[in-house]
Amino acid sequence: MNRVIHFEIPARDPEAMISFFTNVFGWKFQLWEGPMEYWTITTGPDDAPGINGGMMRENDSTQPVVNTSDVADIDATAALVEANGGTVVVPKMPIPGIGWLIYFTDPRGNIHGAMQTDPAAGS
């Protein structure tokens, strides 16, 4: 099975969102040192149930929260998405030091992510 391993929250005002989630849930945010403005979110200790996530500045006002699932083979997953009525909307891209990522829609149009962990990606 491929489990959800990450969520992403778009934010028009990242500082306000950081304040909100820190005050409401006690989440910890850290600016990621990568090629884009992105904050990692720690939602709790690693030995407790749950997942961590990230937040980015939104591209448009309709951008949804996205859940990303761990997959063994990103290319095979993209092919399965297409073969089963979904659409890859952001093709395979490297996330430096982490892996490969695609975004896709399911047959209803909901957007999801799939990630293959490969620390050599984008090197």
PDB file of N, CA and C in Angstrom:
ATOM      1  N   MET A   1       0.835  -1.187   0.000  1.00  0.00           N
ATOM      2  CA  MET A   1       0.000   0.000   0.000  1.00  0.00           C
ATOM      3  C   MET A   1       0.875   1.244   0.000  1.00  0.00           C
ATOM      4  N   ASN A   2       0.339   2.313  -0.546  1.00  0.00           N
ATOM      5  CA  ASN A   2       1.044   3.592  -0.609  1.00  0.00           C
ATOM      6  C   ASN A   2       0.358   4.575   0.335  1.00  0.00           C
ATOM      7  N   ARG A   3       1.041   4.905   1.446  1.00  0.00           N
ATOM      8  CA  ARG A   3       0.460   5.746   2.487  1.00  0.00           C
ATOM      9  C   ARG A   3       0.668   7.224   2.209  1.00  0.00           C
ATOM     10  N   VAL A   4      -0.262   8.022   2.702  1.00  0.00           N
ATOM     11  CA  VAL A   4      -0.090   9.472   2.673  1.00  0.00           C
ATOM     12  C   VAL A   4       1.069   9.803   3.608  1.00  0.00           C
ATOM     13  N   ILE A   5       2.047  10.544   3.089  1.00  0.00           N
ATOM     14  CA  ILE A   5       3.243  10.846   3.879  1.00  0.00           C
ATOM     15  C   ILE A   5       3.460  12.336   4.092  1.00  0.00           C
ATOM     16  N   HIS A   6       2.658  13.184   3.432  1.00  0.00           N
ATOM     17  CA  HIS A   6       2.929  14.613   3.475  1.00  0.00           C
ATOM     18  C   HIS A   6       1.674  15.370   3.052  1.00  0.00           C
ATOM     19  N   PHE A   7       1.463  16.532   3.607  1.00  0.00           N
ATOM     20  CA  PHE A   7       0.398  17.412   3.147  1.00  0.00           C
ATOM     21  C   PHE A   7       0.999  18.777   2.847  1.00  0.00           C
ATOM     22  N   GLU A   8       0.328  19.524   1.993  1.00  0.00           N
ATOM     23  CA  GLU A   8       0.779  20.876   1.657  1.00  0.00           C
ATOM     24  C   GLU A   8      -0.382  21.851   1.788  1.00  0.00           C
ATOM     25  N   ILE A   9      -0.100  22.989   2.409  1.00  0.00           N
ATOM     26  CA  ILE A   9      -1.091  24.040   2.589  1.00  0.00           C
ATOM     27  C   ILE A   9      -0.642  25.262   1.797  1.00  0.00           C
ATOM     28  N   PRO A  10      -1.475  25.755   0.872  1.00  0.00           N
ATOM     29  CA  PRO A  10      -1.137  27.006   0.200  1.00  0.00           C
ATOM     30  C   PRO A  10      -1.503  28.177   1.107  1.00  0.00           C
ATOM     31  N   ALA A  11      -0.731  29.254   1.027  1.00  0.00           N
ATOM     32  CA  ALA A  11      -0.988  30.407   1.890  1.00  0.00           C
ATOM     33  C   ALA A  11      -0.780  31.711   1.133  1.00  0.00           C
ATOM     34  N   ARG A  12      -1.788  32.560   1.173  1.00  0.00           N
ATOM     35  CA  ARG A  12      -1.662  33.900   0.597  1.00  0.00           C
ATOM     36  C   ARG A  12      -0.730  34.732   1.469  1.00  0.00           C
ATOM     37  N   ASP A  13      -0.836  34.545   2.805  1.00  0.00           N
ATOM     38  CA  ASP A  13      -0.021  35.277   3.779  1.00  0.00           C
ATOM     39  C   ASP A  13       0.647  34.244   4.688  1.00  0.00           C
ATOM     40  N   PRO A  14       1.816  33.718   4.293  1.00  0.00           N
ATOM     41  CA  PRO A  14       2.457  32.656   5.075  1.00  0.00           C
ATOM     42  C   PRO A  14       2.669  33.008   6.550  1.00  0.00           C
ATOM     43  N   GLU A  15       3.054  34.235   6.840  1.00  0.00           N
ATOM     44  CA  GLU A  15       3.308  34.613   8.228  1.00  0.00           C
ATOM     45  C   GLU A  15       2.042  34.484   9.072  1.00  0.00           C
ATOM     46  N   ALA A  16       0.901  34.899   8.530  1.00  0.00           N
ATOM     47  CA  ALA A  16      -0.366  34.776   9.253  1.00  0.00           C
ATOM     48  C   ALA A  16      -0.740  33.307   9.456  1.00  0.00           C
ATOM     49  N   MET A  17      -0.512  32.491   8.430  1.00  0.00           N
ATOM     50  CA  MET A  17      -0.824  31.062   8.548  1.00  0.00           C
ATOM     51  C   MET A  17       0.077  30.389   9.577  1.00  0.00           C
ATOM     52  N   ILE A  18       1.361  30.761   9.588  1.00  0.00           N
ATOM     53  CA  ILE A  18       2.282  30.198  10.578  1.00  0.00           C
ATOM     54  C   ILE A  18       1.793  30.545  11.970  1.00  0.00           C
ATOM     55  N   SER A  19       1.422  31.785  12.181  1.00  0.00           N
ATOM     56  CA  SER A  19       0.918  32.214  13.487  1.00  0.00           C
ATOM     57  C   SER A  19      -0.344  31.440  13.857  1.00  0.00           C
ATOM     58  N   PHE A  20      -1.274  31.309  12.916  1.00  0.00           N
ATOM     59  CA  PHE A  20      -2.529  30.601  13.175  1.00  0.00           C
ATOM     60  C   PHE A  20      -2.282  29.163  13.630  1.00  0.00           C
ATOM     61  N   PHE A  21      -1.543  28.378  12.819  1.00  0.00           N
ATOM     62  CA  PHE A  21      -1.355  26.963  13.132  1.00  0.00           C
ATOM     63  C   PHE A  21      -0.443  26.742  14.341  1.00  0.00           C
ATOM     64  N   THR A  22       0.481  27.668  14.573  1.00  0.00           N
ATOM     65  CA  THR A  22       1.317  27.577  15.769  1.00  0.00           C
ATOM     66  C   THR A  22       0.458  27.789  17.011  1.00  0.00           C
ATOM     67  N   ASN A  23      -0.406  28.811  16.972  1.00  0.00           N
ATOM     68  CA  ASN A  23      -1.254  29.113  18.129  1.00  0.00           C
ATOM     69  C   ASN A  23      -2.358  28.086  18.353  1.00  0.00           C
ATOM     70  N   VAL A  24      -2.931  27.552  17.268  1.00  0.00           N
ATOM     71  CA  VAL A  24      -4.040  26.602  17.404  1.00  0.00           C
ATOM     72  C   VAL A  24      -3.548  25.195  17.735  1.00  0.00           C
ATOM     73  N   PHE A  25      -2.526  24.702  17.019  1.00  0.00           N
ATOM     74  CA  PHE A  25      -2.090  23.315  17.163  1.00  0.00           C
ATOM     75  C   PHE A  25      -0.693  23.136  17.727  1.00  0.00           C
ATOM     76  N   GLY A  26       0.077  24.209  17.843  1.00  0.00           N
ATOM     77  CA  GLY A  26       1.449  24.090  18.322  1.00  0.00           C
ATOM     78  C   GLY A  26       2.413  23.569  17.278  1.00  0.00           C
ATOM     79  N   TRP A  27       2.026  23.627  15.985  1.00  0.00           N
ATOM     80  CA  TRP A  27       2.901  23.150  14.926  1.00  0.00           C
ATOM     81  C   TRP A  27       4.152  24.009  14.846  1.00  0.00           C
ATOM     82  N   LYS A  28       5.245  23.405  14.386  1.00  0.00           N
ATOM     83  CA  LYS A  28       6.534  24.097  14.209  1.00  0.00           C
ATOM     84  C   LYS A  28       6.799  24.268  12.716  1.00  0.00           C
ATOM     85  N   PHE A  29       7.219  25.455  12.324  1.00  0.00           N
ATOM     86  CA  PHE A  29       7.497  25.788  10.925  1.00  0.00           C
ATOM     87  C   PHE A  29       8.962  26.158  10.772  1.00  0.00           C
ATOM     88  N   GLN A  30       9.541  25.714   9.659  1.00  0.00           N
ATOM     89  CA  GLN A  30      10.927  26.085   9.356  1.00  0.00           C
ATOM     90  C   GLN A  30      11.048  26.334   7.857  1.00  0.00           C
ATOM     91  N   LEU A  31      11.636  27.481   7.504  1.00  0.00           N
ATOM     92  CA  LEU A  31      11.847  27.797   6.098  1.00  0.00           C
ATOM     93  C   LEU A  31      12.823  26.788   5.511  1.00  0.00           C
ATOM     94  N   TRP A  32      12.411  26.150   4.397  1.00  0.00           N
ATOM     95  CA  TRP A  32      13.234  25.133   3.736  1.00  0.00           C
ATOM     96  C   TRP A  32      14.262  25.826   2.865  1.00  0.00           C
ATOM     97  N   GLU A  33      15.464  25.345   2.916  1.00  0.00           N
ATOM     98  CA  GLU A  33      16.533  25.907   2.079  1.00  0.00           C
ATOM     99  C   GLU A  33      16.559  25.167   0.758  1.00  0.00           C
ATOM    100  N   GLY A  34      15.610  25.482  -0.086  1.00  0.00           N
ATOM    101  CA  GLY A  34      15.502  24.838  -1.392  1.00  0.00           C
ATOM    102  C   GLY A  34      15.290  25.874  -2.478  1.00  0.00           C
ATOM    103  N   PRO A  35      14.912  25.410  -3.655  1.00  0.00           N
ATOM    104  CA  PRO A  35      14.799  26.313  -4.800  1.00  0.00           C
ATOM    105  C   PRO A  35      13.541  27.180  -4.796  1.00  0.00           C
ATOM    106  N   MET A  36      12.658  27.004  -3.806  1.00  0.00           N
ATOM    107  CA  MET A  36      11.435  27.800  -3.764  1.00  0.00           C
ATOM    108  C   MET A  36      11.125  28.189  -2.331  1.00  0.00           C
ATOM    109  N   GLU A  37      10.253  29.177  -2.168  1.00  0.00           N
ATOM    110  CA  GLU A  37       9.830  29.600  -0.840  1.00  0.00           C
ATOM    111  C   GLU A  37       8.880  28.541  -0.284  1.00  0.00           C
ATOM    112  N   TYR A  38       9.327  27.809   0.724  1.00  0.00           N
ATOM    113  CA  TYR A  38       8.593  26.663   1.241  1.00  0.00           C
ATOM    114  C   TYR A  38       8.945  26.473   2.709  1.00  0.00           C
ATOM    115  N   TRP A  39       7.948  26.220   3.519  1.00  0.00           N
ATOM    116  CA  TRP A  39       8.172  25.973   4.937  1.00  0.00           C
ATOM    117  C   TRP A  39       7.816  24.524   5.247  1.00  0.00           C
ATOM    118  N   THR A  40       8.666  23.832   5.975  1.00  0.00           N
ATOM    119  CA  THR A  40       8.313  22.502   6.449  1.00  0.00           C
ATOM    120  C   THR A  40       7.499  22.669   7.727  1.00  0.00           C
ATOM    121  N   ILE A  41       6.579  21.743   7.944  1.00  0.00           N
ATOM    122  CA  ILE A  41       5.709  21.786   9.115  1.00  0.00           C
ATOM    123  C   ILE A  41       5.891  20.495   9.899  1.00  0.00           C
ATOM    124  N   THR A  42       6.252  20.615  11.153  1.00  0.00           N
ATOM    125  CA  THR A  42       6.318  19.471  12.062  1.00  0.00           C
ATOM    126  C   THR A  42       5.074  19.530  12.935  1.00  0.00           C
ATOM    127  N   THR A  43       4.251  18.493  12.850  1.00  0.00           N
ATOM    128  CA  THR A  43       2.970  18.481  13.562  1.00  0.00           C
ATOM    129  C   THR A  43       3.035  17.755  14.899  1.00  0.00           C
ATOM    130  N   GLY A  44       4.147  17.081  15.165  1.00  0.00           N
ATOM    131  CA  GLY A  44       4.289  16.359  16.426  1.00  0.00           C
ATOM    132  C   GLY A  44       5.532  15.502  16.395  1.00  0.00           C
ATOM    133  N   PRO A  45       5.775  14.766  17.487  1.00  0.00           N
ATOM    134  CA  PRO A  45       6.970  13.928  17.553  1.00  0.00           C
ATOM    135  C   PRO A  45       6.911  12.768  16.557  1.00  0.00           C
ATOM    136  N   ASP A  46       8.082  12.342  16.086  1.00  0.00           N
ATOM    137  CA  ASP A  46       8.162  11.269  15.095  1.00  0.00           C
ATOM    138  C   ASP A  46       7.602   9.940  15.603  1.00  0.00           C
ATOM    139  N   ASP A  47       7.592   9.735  16.921  1.00  0.00           N
ATOM    140  CA  ASP A  47       7.120   8.454  17.452  1.00  0.00           C
ATOM    141  C   ASP A  47       5.616   8.461  17.746  1.00  0.00           C
ATOM    142  N   ALA A  48       4.906   9.522  17.354  1.00  0.00           N
ATOM    143  CA  ALA A  48       3.460   9.606  17.548  1.00  0.00           C
ATOM    144  C   ALA A  48       2.765   9.468  16.192  1.00  0.00           C
ATOM    145  N   PRO A  49       1.494   9.010  16.187  1.00  0.00           N
ATOM    146  CA  PRO A  49       0.771   8.894  14.921  1.00  0.00           C
ATOM    147  C   PRO A  49       0.624  10.251  14.238  1.00  0.00           C
ATOM    148  N   GLY A  50       0.630  10.242  12.912  1.00  0.00           N
ATOM    149  CA  GLY A  50       0.414  11.468  12.156  1.00  0.00           C
ATOM    150  C   GLY A  50       1.481  11.682  11.116  1.00  0.00           C
ATOM    151  N   ILE A  51       1.306  12.732  10.331  1.00  0.00           N
ATOM    152  CA  ILE A  51       2.259  13.080   9.285  1.00  0.00           C
ATOM    153  C   ILE A  51       2.634  14.543   9.420  1.00  0.00           C
ATOM    154  N   ASN A  52       3.736  14.900   8.825  1.00  0.00           N
ATOM    155  CA  ASN A  52       4.178  16.284   8.759  1.00  0.00           C
ATOM    156  C   ASN A  52       3.839  16.828   7.386  1.00  0.00           C
ATOM    157  N   GLY A  53       4.071  18.110   7.183  1.00  0.00           N
ATOM    158  CA  GLY A  53       3.694  18.697   5.915  1.00  0.00           C
ATOM    159  C   GLY A  53       4.546  19.877   5.530  1.00  0.00           C
ATOM    160  N   GLY A  54       3.980  20.689   4.677  1.00  0.00           N
ATOM    161  CA  GLY A  54       4.662  21.869   4.193  1.00  0.00           C
ATOM    162  C   GLY A  54       3.664  22.936   3.808  1.00  0.00           C
ATOM    163  N   MET A  55       4.184  24.139   3.641  1.00  0.00           N
ATOM    164  CA  MET A  55       3.353  25.258   3.242  1.00  0.00           C
ATOM    165  C   MET A  55       4.121  26.085   2.216  1.00  0.00           C
ATOM    166  N   MET A  56       3.404  26.529   1.183  1.00  0.00           N
ATOM    167  CA  MET A  56       4.014  27.378   0.171  1.00  0.00           C
ATOM    168  C   MET A  56       3.111  28.560  -0.082  1.00  0.00           C
ATOM    169  N   ARG A  57       3.687  29.620  -0.648  1.00  0.00           N
ATOM    170  CA  ARG A  57       2.882  30.764  -1.049  1.00  0.00           C
ATOM    171  C   ARG A  57       1.965  30.298  -2.182  1.00  0.00           C
ATOM    172  N   GLU A  58       0.676  30.604  -2.071  1.00  0.00           N
ATOM    173  CA  GLU A  58      -0.273  30.109  -3.071  1.00  0.00           C
ATOM    174  C   GLU A  58      -0.043  30.736  -4.437  1.00  0.00           C
ATOM    175  N   ASN A  59      -0.335  29.954  -5.471  1.00  0.00           N
ATOM    176  CA  ASN A  59      -0.236  30.424  -6.854  1.00  0.00           C
ATOM    177  C   ASN A  59      -1.517  31.105  -7.299  1.00  0.00           C
ATOM    178  N   ASP A  60      -2.662  30.618  -6.815  1.00  0.00           N
ATOM    179  CA  ASP A  60      -3.941  31.260  -7.103  1.00  0.00           C
ATOM    180  C   ASP A  60      -4.909  30.940  -5.976  1.00  0.00           C
ATOM    181  N   SER A  61      -6.000  31.676  -5.917  1.00  0.00           N
ATOM    182  CA  SER A  61      -6.926  31.569  -4.789  1.00  0.00           C
ATOM    183  C   SER A  61      -7.695  30.251  -4.744  1.00  0.00           C
ATOM    184  N   THR A  62      -7.666  29.466  -5.815  1.00  0.00           N
ATOM    185  CA  THR A  62      -8.375  28.188  -5.820  1.00  0.00           C
ATOM    186  C   THR A  62      -7.458  27.005  -5.516  1.00  0.00           C
ATOM    187  N   GLN A  63      -6.197  27.266  -5.223  1.00  0.00           N
ATOM    188  CA  GLN A  63      -5.230  26.199  -4.957  1.00  0.00           C
ATOM    189  C   GLN A  63      -5.640  25.430  -3.700  1.00  0.00           C
ATOM    190  N   PRO A  64      -5.801  24.107  -3.787  1.00  0.00           N
ATOM    191  CA  PRO A  64      -6.274  23.330  -2.642  1.00  0.00           C
ATOM    192  C   PRO A  64      -5.131  22.829  -1.752  1.00  0.00           C
ATOM    193  N   VAL A  65      -5.513  22.356  -0.573  1.00  0.00           N
ATOM    194  CA  VAL A  65      -4.595  21.575   0.252  1.00  0.00           C
ATOM    195  C   VAL A  65      -4.380  20.258  -0.489  1.00  0.00           C
ATOM    196  N   VAL A  66      -3.138  19.754  -0.513  1.00  0.00           N
ATOM    197  CA  VAL A  66      -2.817  18.539  -1.261  1.00  0.00           C
ATOM    198  C   VAL A  66      -2.186  17.508  -0.340  1.00  0.00           C
ATOM    199  N   ASN A  67      -2.640  16.261  -0.455  1.00  0.00           N
ATOM    200  CA  ASN A  67      -2.010  15.142   0.234  1.00  0.00           C
ATOM    201  C   ASN A  67      -1.125  14.402  -0.757  1.00  0.00           C
ATOM    202  N   THR A  68       0.066  14.012  -0.304  1.00  0.00           N
ATOM    203  CA  THR A  68       1.023  13.312  -1.155  1.00  0.00           C
ATOM    204  C   THR A  68       1.275  11.922  -0.595  1.00  0.00           C
ATOM    205  N   SER A  69       1.224  10.920  -1.476  1.00  0.00           N
ATOM    206  CA  SER A  69       1.452   9.527  -1.080  1.00  0.00           C
ATOM    207  C   SER A  69       2.825   9.061  -1.516  1.00  0.00           C
ATOM    208  N   ASP A  70       3.408   8.190  -0.729  1.00  0.00           N
ATOM    209  CA  ASP A  70       4.693   7.559  -1.013  1.00  0.00           C
ATOM    210  C   ASP A  70       4.484   6.460  -2.047  1.00  0.00           C
ATOM    211  N   VAL A  71       5.330   6.428  -3.087  1.00  0.00           N
ATOM    212  CA  VAL A  71       5.243   5.380  -4.105  1.00  0.00           C
ATOM    213  C   VAL A  71       6.639   4.829  -4.384  1.00  0.00           C
ATOM    214  N   ALA A  72       6.699   3.598  -4.834  1.00  0.00           N
ATOM    215  CA  ALA A  72       7.984   2.958  -5.127  1.00  0.00           C
ATOM    216  C   ALA A  72       8.539   3.389  -6.480  1.00  0.00           C
ATOM    217  N   ASP A  73       7.652   3.694  -7.434  1.00  0.00           N
ATOM    218  CA  ASP A  73       8.081   4.005  -8.797  1.00  0.00           C
ATOM    219  C   ASP A  73       7.199   5.125  -9.345  1.00  0.00           C
ATOM    220  N   ILE A  74       7.732   6.320  -9.424  1.00  0.00           N
ATOM    221  CA  ILE A  74       6.954   7.489  -9.843  1.00  0.00           C
ATOM    222  C   ILE A  74       6.465   7.368 -11.283  1.00  0.00           C
ATOM    223  N   ASP A  75       7.287   6.798 -12.162  1.00  0.00           N
ATOM    224  CA  ASP A  75       6.882   6.643 -13.561  1.00  0.00           C
ATOM    225  C   ASP A  75       5.731   5.647 -13.699  1.00  0.00           C
ATOM    226  N   ALA A  76       5.809   4.539 -12.969  1.00  0.00           N
ATOM    227  CA  ALA A  76       4.732   3.542 -13.006  1.00  0.00           C
ATOM    228  C   ALA A  76       3.450   4.122 -12.413  1.00  0.00           C
ATOM    229  N   THR A  77       3.586   4.918 -11.365  1.00  0.00           N
ATOM    230  CA  THR A  77       2.410   5.539 -10.754  1.00  0.00           C
ATOM    231  C   THR A  77       1.752   6.512 -11.723  1.00  0.00           C
ATOM    232  N   ALA A  78       2.549   7.316 -12.417  1.00  0.00           N
ATOM    233  CA  ALA A  78       1.999   8.250 -13.405  1.00  0.00           C
ATOM    234  C   ALA A  78       1.230   7.484 -14.482  1.00  0.00           C
ATOM    235  N   ALA A  79       1.779   6.370 -14.922  1.00  0.00           N
ATOM    236  CA  ALA A  79       1.102   5.561 -15.934  1.00  0.00           C
ATOM    237  C   ALA A  79      -0.209   4.990 -15.387  1.00  0.00           C
ATOM    238  N   LEU A  80      -0.219   4.542 -14.137  1.00  0.00           N
ATOM    239  CA  LEU A  80      -1.443   4.022 -13.526  1.00  0.00           C
ATOM    240  C   LEU A  80      -2.498   5.112 -13.370  1.00  0.00           C
ATOM    241  N   VAL A  81      -2.068   6.303 -13.001  1.00  0.00           N
ATOM    242  CA  VAL A  81      -3.005   7.428 -12.896  1.00  0.00           C
ATOM    243  C   VAL A  81      -3.715   7.617 -14.227  1.00  0.00           C
ATOM    244  N   GLU A  82      -2.948   7.723 -15.306  1.00  0.00           N
ATOM    245  CA  GLU A  82      -3.511   7.956 -16.638  1.00  0.00           C
ATOM    246  C   GLU A  82      -4.388   6.785 -17.095  1.00  0.00           C
ATOM    247  N   ALA A  83      -3.960   5.553 -16.818  1.00  0.00           N
ATOM    248  CA  ALA A  83      -4.705   4.370 -17.255  1.00  0.00           C
ATOM    249  C   ALA A  83      -6.026   4.203 -16.507  1.00  0.00           C
ATOM    250  N   ASN A  84      -6.155   4.873 -15.362  1.00  0.00           N
ATOM    251  CA  ASN A  84      -7.350   4.706 -14.546  1.00  0.00           C
ATOM    252  C   ASN A  84      -8.217   5.957 -14.486  1.00  0.00           C
ATOM    253  N   GLY A  85      -8.071   6.831 -15.464  1.00  0.00           N
ATOM    254  CA  GLY A  85      -8.964   7.972 -15.587  1.00  0.00           C
ATOM    255  C   GLY A  85      -8.505   9.245 -14.922  1.00  0.00           C
ATOM    256  N   GLY A  86      -7.289   9.252 -14.394  1.00  0.00           N
ATOM    257  CA  GLY A  86      -6.736  10.467 -13.820  1.00  0.00           C
ATOM    258  C   GLY A  86      -5.881  11.192 -14.843  1.00  0.00           C
ATOM    259  N   THR A  87      -5.352  12.344 -14.442  1.00  0.00           N
ATOM    260  CA  THR A  87      -4.508  13.141 -15.325  1.00  0.00           C
ATOM    261  C   THR A  87      -3.318  13.666 -14.545  1.00  0.00           C
ATOM    262  N   VAL A  88      -2.127  13.433 -15.052  1.00  0.00           N
ATOM    263  CA  VAL A  88      -0.940  14.031 -14.451  1.00  0.00           C
ATOM    264  C   VAL A  88      -0.941  15.500 -14.859  1.00  0.00           C
ATOM    265  N   VAL A  89      -0.999  16.403 -13.865  1.00  0.00           N
ATOM    266  CA  VAL A  89      -1.088  17.832 -14.161  1.00  0.00           C
ATOM    267  C   VAL A  89       0.238  18.557 -13.950  1.00  0.00           C
ATOM    268  N   VAL A  90       1.125  17.986 -13.158  1.00  0.00           N
ATOM    269  CA  VAL A  90       2.504  18.480 -13.041  1.00  0.00           C
ATOM    270  C   VAL A  90       3.388  17.257 -13.215  1.00  0.00           C
ATOM    271  N   PRO A  91       4.135  17.190 -14.320  1.00  0.00           N
ATOM    272  CA  PRO A  91       4.939  16.000 -14.593  1.00  0.00           C
ATOM    273  C   PRO A  91       6.074  15.821 -13.597  1.00  0.00           C
ATOM    274  N   LYS A  92       6.666  14.666 -13.664  1.00  0.00           N
ATOM    275  CA  LYS A  92       7.778  14.282 -12.786  1.00  0.00           C
ATOM    276  C   LYS A  92       8.795  15.415 -12.672  1.00  0.00           C
ATOM    277  N   MET A  93       9.056  15.795 -11.420  1.00  0.00           N
ATOM    278  CA  MET A  93      10.052  16.832 -11.174  1.00  0.00           C
ATOM    279  C   MET A  93      10.880  16.433  -9.958  1.00  0.00           C
ATOM    280  N   PRO A  94      12.157  16.813  -9.969  1.00  0.00           N
ATOM    281  CA  PRO A  94      12.999  16.479  -8.824  1.00  0.00           C
ATOM    282  C   PRO A  94      12.759  17.433  -7.656  1.00  0.00           C
ATOM    283  N   ILE A  95      12.785  16.898  -6.467  1.00  0.00           N
ATOM    284  CA  ILE A  95      12.817  17.686  -5.245  1.00  0.00           C
ATOM    285  C   ILE A  95      14.204  17.404  -4.660  1.00  0.00           C
ATOM    286  N   PRO A  96      15.139  18.336  -4.847  1.00  0.00           N
ATOM    287  CA  PRO A  96      16.543  18.069  -4.511  1.00  0.00           C
ATOM    288  C   PRO A  96      16.752  17.478  -3.117  1.00  0.00           C
ATOM    289  N   GLY A  97      17.484  16.378  -3.092  1.00  0.00           N
ATOM    290  CA  GLY A  97      17.812  15.699  -1.845  1.00  0.00           C
ATOM    291  C   GLY A  97      16.687  14.889  -1.246  1.00  0.00           C
ATOM    292  N   ILE A  98      15.522  14.884  -1.898  1.00  0.00           N
ATOM    293  CA  ILE A  98      14.369  14.162  -1.338  1.00  0.00           C
ATOM    294  C   ILE A  98      13.863  13.096  -2.290  1.00  0.00           C
ATOM    295  N   GLY A  99      13.548  13.468  -3.534  1.00  0.00           N
ATOM    296  CA  GLY A  99      13.020  12.472  -4.460  1.00  0.00           C
ATOM    297  C   GLY A  99      12.362  13.090  -5.665  1.00  0.00           C
ATOM    298  N   TRP A 100      11.427  12.345  -6.241  1.00  0.00           N
ATOM    299  CA  TRP A 100      10.698  12.751  -7.438  1.00  0.00           C
ATOM    300  C   TRP A 100       9.238  12.942  -7.070  1.00  0.00           C
ATOM    301  N   LEU A 101       8.594  13.936  -7.688  1.00  0.00           N
ATOM    302  CA  LEU A 101       7.223  14.280  -7.338  1.00  0.00           C
ATOM    303  C   LEU A 101       6.399  14.521  -8.593  1.00  0.00           C
ATOM    304  N   ILE A 102       5.153  14.062  -8.571  1.00  0.00           N
ATOM    305  CA  ILE A 102       4.161  14.434  -9.582  1.00  0.00           C
ATOM    306  C   ILE A 102       2.923  14.928  -8.837  1.00  0.00           C
ATOM    307  N   TYR A 103       2.134  15.752  -9.515  1.00  0.00           N
ATOM    308  CA  TYR A 103       0.800  16.105  -9.053  1.00  0.00           C
ATOM    309  C   TYR A 103      -0.164  15.604 -10.099  1.00  0.00           C
ATOM    310  N   PHE A 104      -1.310  15.088  -9.646  1.00  0.00           N
ATOM    311  CA  PHE A 104      -2.288  14.545 -10.573  1.00  0.00           C
ATOM    312  C   PHE A 104      -3.696  14.775 -10.051  1.00  0.00           C
ATOM    313  N   THR A 105      -4.660  14.680 -10.967  1.00  0.00           N
ATOM    314  CA  THR A 105      -6.060  14.726 -10.566  1.00  0.00           C
ATOM    315  C   THR A 105      -6.651  13.336 -10.672  1.00  0.00           C
ATOM    316  N   ASP A 106      -7.575  13.046  -9.761  1.00  0.00           N
ATOM    317  CA  ASP A 106      -8.339  11.814  -9.849  1.00  0.00           C
ATOM    318  C   ASP A 106      -9.496  12.048 -10.818  1.00  0.00           C
ATOM    319  N   PRO A 107     -10.315  11.021 -11.111  1.00  0.00           N
ATOM    320  CA  PRO A 107     -11.399  11.221 -12.086  1.00  0.00           C
ATOM    321  C   PRO A 107     -12.391  12.330 -11.717  1.00  0.00           C
ATOM    322  N   ARG A 108     -12.511  12.667 -10.447  1.00  0.00           N
ATOM    323  CA  ARG A 108     -13.416  13.741 -10.018  1.00  0.00           C
ATOM    324  C   ARG A 108     -12.785  15.118 -10.185  1.00  0.00           C
ATOM    325  N   GLY A 109     -11.449  15.162 -10.317  1.00  0.00           N
ATOM    326  CA  GLY A 109     -10.764  16.435 -10.454  1.00  0.00           C
ATOM    327  C   GLY A 109     -10.025  16.884  -9.207  1.00  0.00           C
ATOM    328  N   ASN A 110     -10.062  16.083  -8.135  1.00  0.00           N
ATOM    329  CA  ASN A 110      -9.299  16.403  -6.930  1.00  0.00           C
ATOM    330  C   ASN A 110      -7.813  16.263  -7.225  1.00  0.00           C
ATOM    331  N   ILE A 111      -7.004  17.137  -6.662  1.00  0.00           N
ATOM    332  CA  ILE A 111      -5.565  17.062  -6.914  1.00  0.00           C
ATOM    333  C   ILE A 111      -4.872  16.321  -5.780  1.00  0.00           C
ATOM    334  N   HIS A 112      -3.852  15.535  -6.155  1.00  0.00           N
ATOM    335  CA  HIS A 112      -3.068  14.733  -5.227  1.00  0.00           C
ATOM    336  C   HIS A 112      -1.603  14.803  -5.651  1.00  0.00           C
ATOM    337  N   GLY A 113      -0.718  14.371  -4.772  1.00  0.00           N
ATOM    338  CA  GLY A 113       0.681  14.243  -5.098  1.00  0.00           C
ATOM    339  C   GLY A 113       1.132  12.812  -4.913  1.00  0.00           C
ATOM    340  N   ALA A 114       2.198  12.427  -5.614  1.00  0.00           N
ATOM    341  CA  ALA A 114       2.860  11.132  -5.433  1.00  0.00           C
ATOM    342  C   ALA A 114       4.347  11.396  -5.425  1.00  0.00           C
ATOM    343  N   MET A 115       5.059  10.775  -4.472  1.00  0.00           N
ATOM    344  CA  MET A 115       6.494  11.006  -4.335  1.00  0.00           C
ATOM    345  C   MET A 115       7.254   9.685  -4.221  1.00  0.00           C
ATOM    346  N   GLN A 116       8.304   9.592  -5.009  1.00  0.00           N
ATOM    347  CA  GLN A 116       9.264   8.489  -4.918  1.00  0.00           C
ATOM    348  C   GLN A 116      10.500   9.020  -4.217  1.00  0.00           C
ATOM    349  N   THR A 117      10.820   8.459  -3.079  1.00  0.00           N
ATOM    350  CA  THR A 117      11.990   8.903  -2.344  1.00  0.00           C
ATOM    351  C   THR A 117      13.257   8.449  -3.068  1.00  0.00           C
ATOM    352  N   ASP A 118      14.112   9.412  -3.378  1.00  0.00           N
ATOM    353  CA  ASP A 118      15.385   9.166  -4.051  1.00  0.00           C
ATOM    354  C   ASP A 118      16.273  10.365  -3.773  1.00  0.00           C
ATOM    355  N   PRO A 119      17.104  10.305  -2.705  1.00  0.00           N
ATOM    356  CA  PRO A 119      17.911  11.449  -2.337  1.00  0.00           C
ATOM    357  C   PRO A 119      18.831  11.981  -3.447  1.00  0.00           C
ATOM    358  N   ALA A 120      19.087  11.175  -4.478  1.00  0.00           N
ATOM    359  CA  ALA A 120      19.945  11.633  -5.584  1.00  0.00           C
ATOM    360  C   ALA A 120      19.160  12.481  -6.592  1.00  0.00           C
ATOM    361  N   ALA A 121      17.845  12.583  -6.430  1.00  0.00           N
ATOM    362  CA  ALA A 121      17.025  13.354  -7.379  1.00  0.00           C
ATOM    363  C   ALA A 121      17.477  14.803  -7.424  1.00  0.00           C
ATOM    364  N   GLY A 122      17.586  15.321  -8.600  1.00  0.00           N
ATOM    365  CA  GLY A 122      17.910  16.731  -8.784  1.00  0.00           C
ATOM    366  C   GLY A 122      19.364  17.081  -8.517  1.00  0.00           C
ATOM    367  N   SER A 123      20.181  16.067  -8.266  1.00  0.00           N
ATOM    368  CA  SER A 123      21.606  16.347  -7.976  1.00  0.00           C
ATOM    369  C   SER A 123      22.367  16.621  -9.238  1.00  0.00           C
TER     370      SER A 123
END
